[in-house]
């Protein structure tokens, strides 16, 4: 079967669109406003898909995991165990090479338990997007996220 030159171009173009991601991330116009919105979701107890709805449209196309925000939100709901969020403590806001910005937080539950929450931003073609979302409650995760060395091991 002979394929015309036009067919090859159309198929190749369509293949590139699929391969590079079927959705286009919305640029983040104001990271501080977005931060205010996702912190509000956290303080509100992560209800009604607030967090994933706030974050999902801004995930960088290269993340390739449409349900990353939903999985993280599910993890947070499970961690809350029906308890409320007492406070969200901003920890670090680090910008490197004016292209990467990482923001981390300690989420404090009403019973005093802590959880680390991390959002990584990347700027490409002068537009900001989210490239990384992480959360964890282990001491190792929180210390790693905050860059805190443990000098001794309790026995």
Protein backbone atom coordinates (compact mmCIF):
# COMPACT_ATOMS: atom_id res chain seq x y z
CA UNK A 1 0.00 0.00 0.00
CA UNK A 2 1.39 3.33 -1.07
CA UNK A 3 1.07 6.21 1.40
CA UNK A 4 1.11 9.77 0.18
CA UNK A 5 3.54 12.36 1.54
CA UNK A 6 0.57 14.31 3.02
CA UNK A 7 -0.64 11.23 4.97
CA UNK A 8 2.79 10.74 6.50
CA UNK A 9 2.90 14.36 7.70
CA UNK A 10 -0.59 14.25 9.22
CA UNK A 11 0.08 10.95 11.00
CA UNK A 12 3.46 12.14 12.26
CA UNK A 13 1.99 15.41 13.52
CA UNK A 14 -0.87 13.61 15.27
CA UNK A 15 1.59 11.13 16.78
CA UNK A 16 3.73 13.96 18.13
CA UNK A 17 0.69 15.61 19.72
CA UNK A 18 -0.28 12.38 21.45
CA UNK A 19 3.30 11.64 22.48
CA UNK A 20 3.84 15.06 24.01
CA UNK A 21 0.65 14.97 26.09
CA UNK A 22 -2.97 15.19 25.14
CA UNK A 23 -3.67 18.14 27.42
CA UNK A 24 -2.09 21.55 27.70
CA UNK A 25 -1.37 22.77 31.19
CA UNK A 26 -2.75 26.16 32.09
CA UNK A 27 -0.01 28.60 32.97
CA UNK A 28 0.08 29.91 36.52
CA UNK A 29 -0.52 33.63 36.39
CA UNK A 30 0.19 34.26 40.10
CA UNK A 31 1.96 31.57 42.18
CA UNK A 32 1.13 33.40 45.42
CA UNK A 33 -2.59 33.40 44.63
CA UNK A 34 -2.43 29.72 43.69
CA UNK A 35 -0.61 29.07 46.98
CA UNK A 36 -3.35 30.92 48.89
CA UNK A 37 -5.95 28.73 47.17
CA UNK A 38 -4.27 25.37 47.86
CA UNK A 39 -3.50 26.33 51.45
CA UNK A 40 -7.16 27.23 51.85
CA UNK A 41 -8.04 23.73 50.60
CA UNK A 42 -5.64 22.20 53.13
CA UNK A 43 -6.99 24.27 56.03
CA UNK A 44 -10.52 23.37 54.94
CA UNK A 45 -9.73 19.70 55.48
CA UNK A 46 -9.23 18.73 51.82
CA UNK A 47 -12.93 18.40 51.05
CA UNK A 48 -14.89 18.23 47.79
CA UNK A 49 -11.81 17.62 45.62
CA UNK A 50 -10.77 21.21 46.34
CA UNK A 51 -7.03 20.49 46.27
CA UNK A 52 -6.92 18.37 43.12
CA UNK A 53 -9.26 20.76 41.30
CA UNK A 54 -7.02 23.68 42.24
CA UNK A 55 -3.79 21.98 41.13
CA UNK A 56 -4.58 19.60 38.25
CA UNK A 57 -4.95 22.14 35.46
CA UNK A 58 -1.50 23.57 36.22
CA UNK A 59 0.46 20.29 36.07
CA UNK A 60 3.30 20.50 33.58
CA UNK A 61 2.69 18.41 30.45
CA UNK A 62 5.86 16.41 31.16
CA UNK A 63 4.43 15.09 34.45
CA UNK A 64 2.36 12.63 32.37
CA UNK A 65 0.23 11.63 35.35
CA UNK A 66 -3.20 13.20 35.20
CA UNK A 67 -4.23 11.72 38.55
CA UNK A 68 -1.16 12.85 40.52
CA UNK A 69 -3.11 15.60 42.33
CA UNK A 70 -6.05 13.28 43.03
CA UNK A 71 -3.77 10.57 44.47
CA UNK A 72 -2.08 13.13 46.70
CA UNK A 73 -5.45 14.46 47.84
CA UNK A 74 -6.60 10.91 48.67
CA UNK A 75 -3.43 10.39 50.71
CA UNK A 76 -4.12 13.61 52.65
CA UNK A 77 -7.75 12.65 53.35
CA UNK A 78 -6.61 9.26 54.65
CA UNK A 79 -3.92 10.91 56.82
CA UNK A 80 -6.48 13.27 58.35
CA UNK A 81 -8.47 10.27 59.63
CA UNK A 82 -11.55 12.48 60.13
CA UNK A 83 -9.55 15.02 62.14
CA UNK A 84 -9.14 18.64 61.12
CA UNK A 85 -6.13 20.66 60.04
CA UNK A 86 -4.92 22.83 62.88
CA UNK A 87 -2.48 24.91 60.79
CA UNK A 88 -0.39 25.02 57.63
CA UNK A 89 3.12 26.29 58.37
CA UNK A 90 5.06 27.64 55.37
CA UNK A 91 8.57 26.17 55.57
CA UNK A 92 10.74 26.99 52.55
CA UNK A 93 10.36 28.92 49.32
CA UNK A 94 13.46 28.37 47.23
CA UNK A 95 14.06 29.66 43.69
CA UNK A 96 16.95 28.30 41.63
CA UNK A 97 18.16 29.75 38.33
CA UNK A 98 14.87 31.67 38.06
CA UNK A 99 13.42 28.51 36.48
CA UNK A 100 12.65 26.26 39.47
CA UNK A 101 10.75 27.27 42.57
CA UNK A 102 10.04 24.85 45.38
CA UNK A 103 7.64 25.56 48.22
CA UNK A 104 7.28 23.34 51.24
CA UNK A 105 4.93 23.33 54.20
CA UNK A 106 4.29 21.49 57.42
CA UNK A 107 0.62 20.61 57.84
CA UNK A 108 -0.34 20.22 61.48
CA UNK A 109 -3.31 18.05 62.32
CA UNK A 110 -5.64 18.87 65.25
CA UNK A 111 -4.01 16.11 67.33
CA UNK A 112 -0.49 17.50 66.77
CA UNK A 113 0.64 15.10 64.04
CA UNK A 114 2.73 16.59 61.19
CA UNK A 115 2.80 16.04 57.46
CA UNK A 116 5.17 17.48 54.88
CA UNK A 117 3.62 19.02 51.77
CA UNK A 118 5.79 20.02 48.79
CA UNK A 119 4.97 21.81 45.53
CA UNK A 120 7.58 22.23 42.79
CA UNK A 121 7.14 24.86 40.08
CA UNK A 122 8.99 25.10 36.77
CA UNK A 123 9.13 28.00 34.31
CA UNK A 124 9.42 27.17 30.64
CA UNK A 125 8.93 29.66 27.84
CA UNK A 126 8.24 32.25 30.54
CA UNK A 127 5.22 30.33 31.91
CA UNK A 128 5.01 28.73 35.35
CA UNK A 129 3.57 25.23 35.86
CA UNK A 130 3.63 22.60 38.60
CA UNK A 131 6.17 19.85 37.94
CA UNK A 132 6.22 18.06 41.29
CA UNK A 133 3.82 17.32 44.15
CA UNK A 134 4.89 15.31 47.17
CA UNK A 135 3.56 14.65 50.62
CA UNK A 136 4.60 12.40 53.47
CA UNK A 137 4.46 12.11 57.22
CA UNK A 138 7.59 10.13 58.06
CA UNK A 139 10.35 11.89 59.96
CA UNK A 140 12.74 11.05 57.11
CA UNK A 141 10.44 12.64 54.50
CA UNK A 142 9.87 15.82 56.51
CA UNK A 143 13.55 16.23 57.41
CA UNK A 144 14.56 15.56 53.80
CA UNK A 145 12.04 18.06 52.47
CA UNK A 146 13.33 20.69 54.89
CA UNK A 147 17.00 19.81 54.36
CA UNK A 148 17.41 19.03 58.08
CA UNK A 149 20.13 16.60 59.05
CA UNK A 150 19.55 14.20 61.91
CA UNK A 151 22.64 14.24 64.13
CA UNK A 152 21.75 11.32 66.40
CA UNK A 153 19.42 8.36 66.53
CA UNK A 154 17.27 8.06 69.64
CA UNK A 155 17.60 4.66 71.31
